[in-house]
């Protein structure tokens, strides 16, 4: 199947930002010729109030959003595998 694909990578510090993981993911995704776009979605805390309203423990409360340099690092790694950012 040659349908165009757009992918989203959620960049969460301490979970999905390890350099080797970024390389491994990009290497794998680069094997697919129908990937037209990769979006990096930086983690944020905007949904924390929803967890509080549901009375749920929000396990990512202490995680800070990735810095601009962390986002740029991920972009550069993905680009190094020819992925369209």
N, C-alpha and C. Protein backbone atom coordinates (compact mmCIF):
# COMPACT_ATOMS: atom_id res chain seq x y z
N UNK A 1 0.85 -1.18 0.00
CA UNK A 1 0.00 0.00 0.00
C UNK A 1 0.90 1.24 0.00
N UNK A 2 0.62 2.16 -0.86
CA UNK A 2 1.46 3.36 -1.02
C UNK A 2 0.75 4.62 -0.57
N UNK A 3 -0.12 4.51 0.40
CA UNK A 3 -0.84 5.68 0.90
C UNK A 3 0.12 6.61 1.63
N UNK A 4 -0.03 7.93 1.45
CA UNK A 4 0.81 8.88 2.17
C UNK A 4 0.58 8.77 3.68
N UNK A 5 1.65 8.88 4.43
CA UNK A 5 1.59 8.75 5.88
C UNK A 5 2.21 9.97 6.53
N UNK A 6 1.52 10.50 7.53
CA UNK A 6 2.06 11.55 8.39
C UNK A 6 2.20 10.95 9.78
N UNK A 7 3.35 11.11 10.38
CA UNK A 7 3.60 10.55 11.70
C UNK A 7 3.79 11.66 12.72
N UNK A 8 3.42 11.35 13.95
CA UNK A 8 3.61 12.28 15.06
C UNK A 8 4.44 11.59 16.13
N UNK A 9 5.47 12.28 16.59
CA UNK A 9 6.33 11.75 17.65
C UNK A 9 6.17 12.65 18.86
N UNK A 10 5.68 12.07 19.95
CA UNK A 10 5.49 12.85 21.18
C UNK A 10 6.79 12.81 21.96
N UNK A 11 7.39 13.97 22.14
CA UNK A 11 8.68 14.10 22.81
C UNK A 11 8.45 14.39 24.29
N UNK A 12 8.64 13.36 25.12
CA UNK A 12 8.41 13.46 26.56
C UNK A 12 9.75 13.26 27.27
N UNK A 13 10.27 14.31 27.93
CA UNK A 13 11.52 14.15 28.66
C UNK A 13 11.44 12.96 29.63
N UNK A 14 12.53 12.23 29.70
CA UNK A 14 12.70 11.05 30.55
C UNK A 14 11.97 9.82 30.03
N UNK A 15 11.21 9.95 28.96
CA UNK A 15 10.46 8.81 28.42
C UNK A 15 10.76 8.56 26.95
N UNK A 16 10.69 9.59 26.12
CA UNK A 16 10.86 9.39 24.67
C UNK A 16 11.93 10.30 24.08
N UNK A 17 12.84 10.77 24.91
CA UNK A 17 13.84 11.72 24.42
C UNK A 17 15.27 11.18 24.43
N UNK A 18 15.45 9.89 24.72
CA UNK A 18 16.79 9.32 24.72
C UNK A 18 17.33 9.33 23.29
N UNK A 19 18.58 9.76 23.14
CA UNK A 19 19.15 9.92 21.80
C UNK A 19 19.13 8.61 21.01
N UNK A 20 19.48 7.50 21.64
CA UNK A 20 19.49 6.22 20.92
C UNK A 20 18.08 5.83 20.46
N UNK A 21 17.10 6.09 21.29
CA UNK A 21 15.71 5.80 20.90
C UNK A 21 15.28 6.64 19.71
N UNK A 22 15.68 7.91 19.70
CA UNK A 22 15.35 8.78 18.57
C UNK A 22 15.99 8.25 17.29
N UNK A 23 17.26 7.83 17.38
CA UNK A 23 17.94 7.26 16.21
C UNK A 23 17.25 5.98 15.75
N UNK A 24 16.93 5.10 16.69
CA UNK A 24 16.29 3.83 16.33
C UNK A 24 14.95 4.06 15.65
N UNK A 25 14.15 4.97 16.21
CA UNK A 25 12.83 5.25 15.65
C UNK A 25 12.98 5.84 14.24
N UNK A 26 13.87 6.81 14.10
CA UNK A 26 14.06 7.46 12.80
C UNK A 26 14.58 6.48 11.76
N UNK A 27 15.50 5.63 12.16
CA UNK A 27 16.04 4.63 11.23
C UNK A 27 14.93 3.71 10.74
N UNK A 28 14.10 3.25 11.65
CA UNK A 28 12.99 2.36 11.28
C UNK A 28 11.99 3.06 10.36
N UNK A 29 11.58 4.25 10.74
CA UNK A 29 10.58 4.99 9.97
C UNK A 29 11.11 5.36 8.58
N UNK A 30 12.41 5.60 8.48
CA UNK A 30 12.99 5.98 7.19
C UNK A 30 12.91 4.86 6.16
N UNK A 31 12.62 3.65 6.59
CA UNK A 31 12.49 2.52 5.66
C UNK A 31 11.21 2.60 4.83
N UNK A 32 10.26 3.41 5.25
CA UNK A 32 8.97 3.50 4.58
C UNK A 32 8.96 4.69 3.62
N UNK A 33 8.86 4.42 2.32
CA UNK A 33 8.94 5.51 1.34
C UNK A 33 7.71 6.41 1.30
N UNK A 34 6.62 5.99 1.94
CA UNK A 34 5.39 6.77 1.86
C UNK A 34 5.23 7.75 3.03
N UNK A 35 6.26 7.90 3.87
CA UNK A 35 6.19 8.88 4.96
C UNK A 35 6.41 10.27 4.36
N UNK A 36 5.37 11.08 4.39
CA UNK A 36 5.44 12.43 3.82
C UNK A 36 5.77 13.50 4.84
N UNK A 37 5.54 13.18 6.11
CA UNK A 37 5.71 14.23 7.11
C UNK A 37 5.88 13.58 8.49
N UNK A 38 6.76 14.18 9.29
CA UNK A 38 6.92 13.79 10.69
C UNK A 38 6.78 15.05 11.53
N UNK A 39 5.84 15.03 12.45
CA UNK A 39 5.65 16.15 13.37
C UNK A 39 6.18 15.74 14.74
N UNK A 40 6.95 16.62 15.35
CA UNK A 40 7.39 16.40 16.73
C UNK A 40 6.46 17.19 17.62
N UNK A 41 5.80 16.47 18.52
CA UNK A 41 4.85 17.09 19.45
C UNK A 41 5.50 17.17 20.82
N UNK A 42 5.92 18.35 21.24
CA UNK A 42 6.54 18.48 22.56
C UNK A 42 5.50 18.26 23.67
N UNK A 43 5.88 17.49 24.66
CA UNK A 43 5.04 17.26 25.82
C UNK A 43 4.70 18.60 26.49
N UNK A 44 3.50 18.69 27.05
CA UNK A 44 3.09 19.89 27.79
C UNK A 44 2.21 19.47 28.96
N UNK A 45 1.91 20.39 29.82
CA UNK A 45 1.12 20.11 31.02
C UNK A 45 -0.32 20.63 30.92
N UNK A 46 -0.78 20.96 29.72
CA UNK A 46 -2.09 21.59 29.58
C UNK A 46 -3.26 20.70 30.00
N UNK A 47 -3.08 19.39 30.04
CA UNK A 47 -4.20 18.52 30.38
C UNK A 47 -4.24 18.09 31.83
N UNK A 48 -3.35 18.64 32.66
CA UNK A 48 -3.27 18.19 34.05
C UNK A 48 -4.58 18.40 34.80
N UNK A 49 -5.28 19.48 34.50
CA UNK A 49 -6.54 19.76 35.21
C UNK A 49 -7.60 18.69 34.94
N UNK A 50 -7.55 18.07 33.76
CA UNK A 50 -8.51 17.00 33.45
C UNK A 50 -8.31 15.80 34.38
N UNK A 51 -7.05 15.49 34.63
CA UNK A 51 -6.76 14.39 35.55
C UNK A 51 -7.25 14.73 36.95
N UNK A 52 -7.01 15.97 37.35
CA UNK A 52 -7.44 16.40 38.69
C UNK A 52 -8.96 16.33 38.81
N UNK A 53 -9.67 16.75 37.77
CA UNK A 53 -11.14 16.72 37.78
C UNK A 53 -11.67 15.29 37.90
N UNK A 54 -10.93 14.35 37.34
CA UNK A 54 -11.36 12.95 37.40
C UNK A 54 -10.89 12.27 38.69
N UNK A 55 -10.14 13.01 39.51
CA UNK A 55 -9.63 12.43 40.74
C UNK A 55 -8.53 11.41 40.51
N UNK A 56 -7.86 11.52 39.38
CA UNK A 56 -6.80 10.58 39.02
C UNK A 56 -5.43 11.16 39.36
N UNK A 57 -4.50 10.27 39.67
CA UNK A 57 -3.12 10.67 39.93
C UNK A 57 -2.42 10.88 38.58
N UNK A 58 -1.94 12.08 38.35
CA UNK A 58 -1.26 12.41 37.10
C UNK A 58 0.22 12.12 37.27
N UNK A 59 0.68 11.02 36.70
CA UNK A 59 2.04 10.55 36.93
C UNK A 59 3.12 11.38 36.24
N UNK A 60 2.73 12.29 35.37
CA UNK A 60 3.71 13.13 34.67
C UNK A 60 3.75 14.55 35.22
N UNK A 61 3.20 14.76 36.39
CA UNK A 61 3.10 16.11 36.95
C UNK A 61 4.46 16.77 37.14
N UNK A 62 5.49 15.99 37.42
CA UNK A 62 6.82 16.55 37.66
C UNK A 62 7.67 16.65 36.41
N UNK A 63 7.14 16.25 35.28
CA UNK A 63 7.89 16.29 34.02
C UNK A 63 7.73 17.67 33.38
N UNK A 64 8.85 18.27 33.05
CA UNK A 64 8.85 19.57 32.39
C UNK A 64 8.81 19.37 30.87
N UNK A 65 8.23 20.32 30.14
CA UNK A 65 8.26 20.23 28.67
C UNK A 65 9.71 20.21 28.17
N UNK A 66 9.94 19.62 27.01
CA UNK A 66 11.30 19.62 26.47
C UNK A 66 11.74 21.04 26.11
N UNK A 67 13.02 21.28 26.25
CA UNK A 67 13.57 22.59 25.89
C UNK A 67 13.62 22.72 24.37
N UNK A 68 13.80 23.95 23.92
CA UNK A 68 13.94 24.17 22.47
C UNK A 68 15.12 23.39 21.91
N UNK A 69 16.20 23.30 22.68
CA UNK A 69 17.37 22.56 22.20
C UNK A 69 17.08 21.06 22.12
N UNK A 70 16.25 20.53 23.03
CA UNK A 70 15.86 19.12 22.96
C UNK A 70 15.02 18.85 21.71
N UNK A 71 14.12 19.77 21.41
CA UNK A 71 13.27 19.63 20.22
C UNK A 71 14.13 19.70 18.96
N UNK A 72 15.06 20.65 18.94
CA UNK A 72 15.95 20.79 17.79
C UNK A 72 16.82 19.55 17.61
N UNK A 73 17.29 18.98 18.71
CA UNK A 73 18.08 17.74 18.64
C UNK A 73 17.28 16.63 17.98
N UNK A 74 16.03 16.47 18.39
CA UNK A 74 15.18 15.44 17.79
C UNK A 74 14.95 15.72 16.30
N UNK A 75 14.68 16.98 15.97
CA UNK A 75 14.49 17.35 14.56
C UNK A 75 15.71 17.00 13.74
N UNK A 76 16.89 17.34 14.25
CA UNK A 76 18.12 17.09 13.51
C UNK A 76 18.39 15.59 13.33
N UNK A 77 18.09 14.82 14.35
CA UNK A 77 18.25 13.37 14.23
C UNK A 77 17.30 12.83 13.16
N UNK A 78 16.06 13.25 13.19
CA UNK A 78 15.09 12.77 12.20
C UNK A 78 15.50 13.20 10.80
N UNK A 79 15.94 14.43 10.66
CA UNK A 79 16.38 14.92 9.35
C UNK A 79 17.59 14.15 8.84
N UNK A 80 18.47 13.71 9.76
CA UNK A 80 19.67 12.98 9.34
C UNK A 80 19.33 11.65 8.68
N UNK A 81 18.13 11.17 8.89
CA UNK A 81 17.65 9.94 8.25
C UNK A 81 16.76 10.25 7.04
N UNK A 82 16.73 11.52 6.65
CA UNK A 82 15.97 11.92 5.48
C UNK A 82 14.48 12.07 5.72
N UNK A 83 14.08 12.14 6.98
CA UNK A 83 12.66 12.27 7.28
C UNK A 83 12.20 13.71 7.09
N UNK A 84 11.04 13.92 6.49
CA UNK A 84 10.53 15.28 6.27
C UNK A 84 9.91 15.84 7.55
N UNK A 85 10.51 16.87 8.07
CA UNK A 85 10.04 17.51 9.30
C UNK A 85 9.24 18.74 8.92
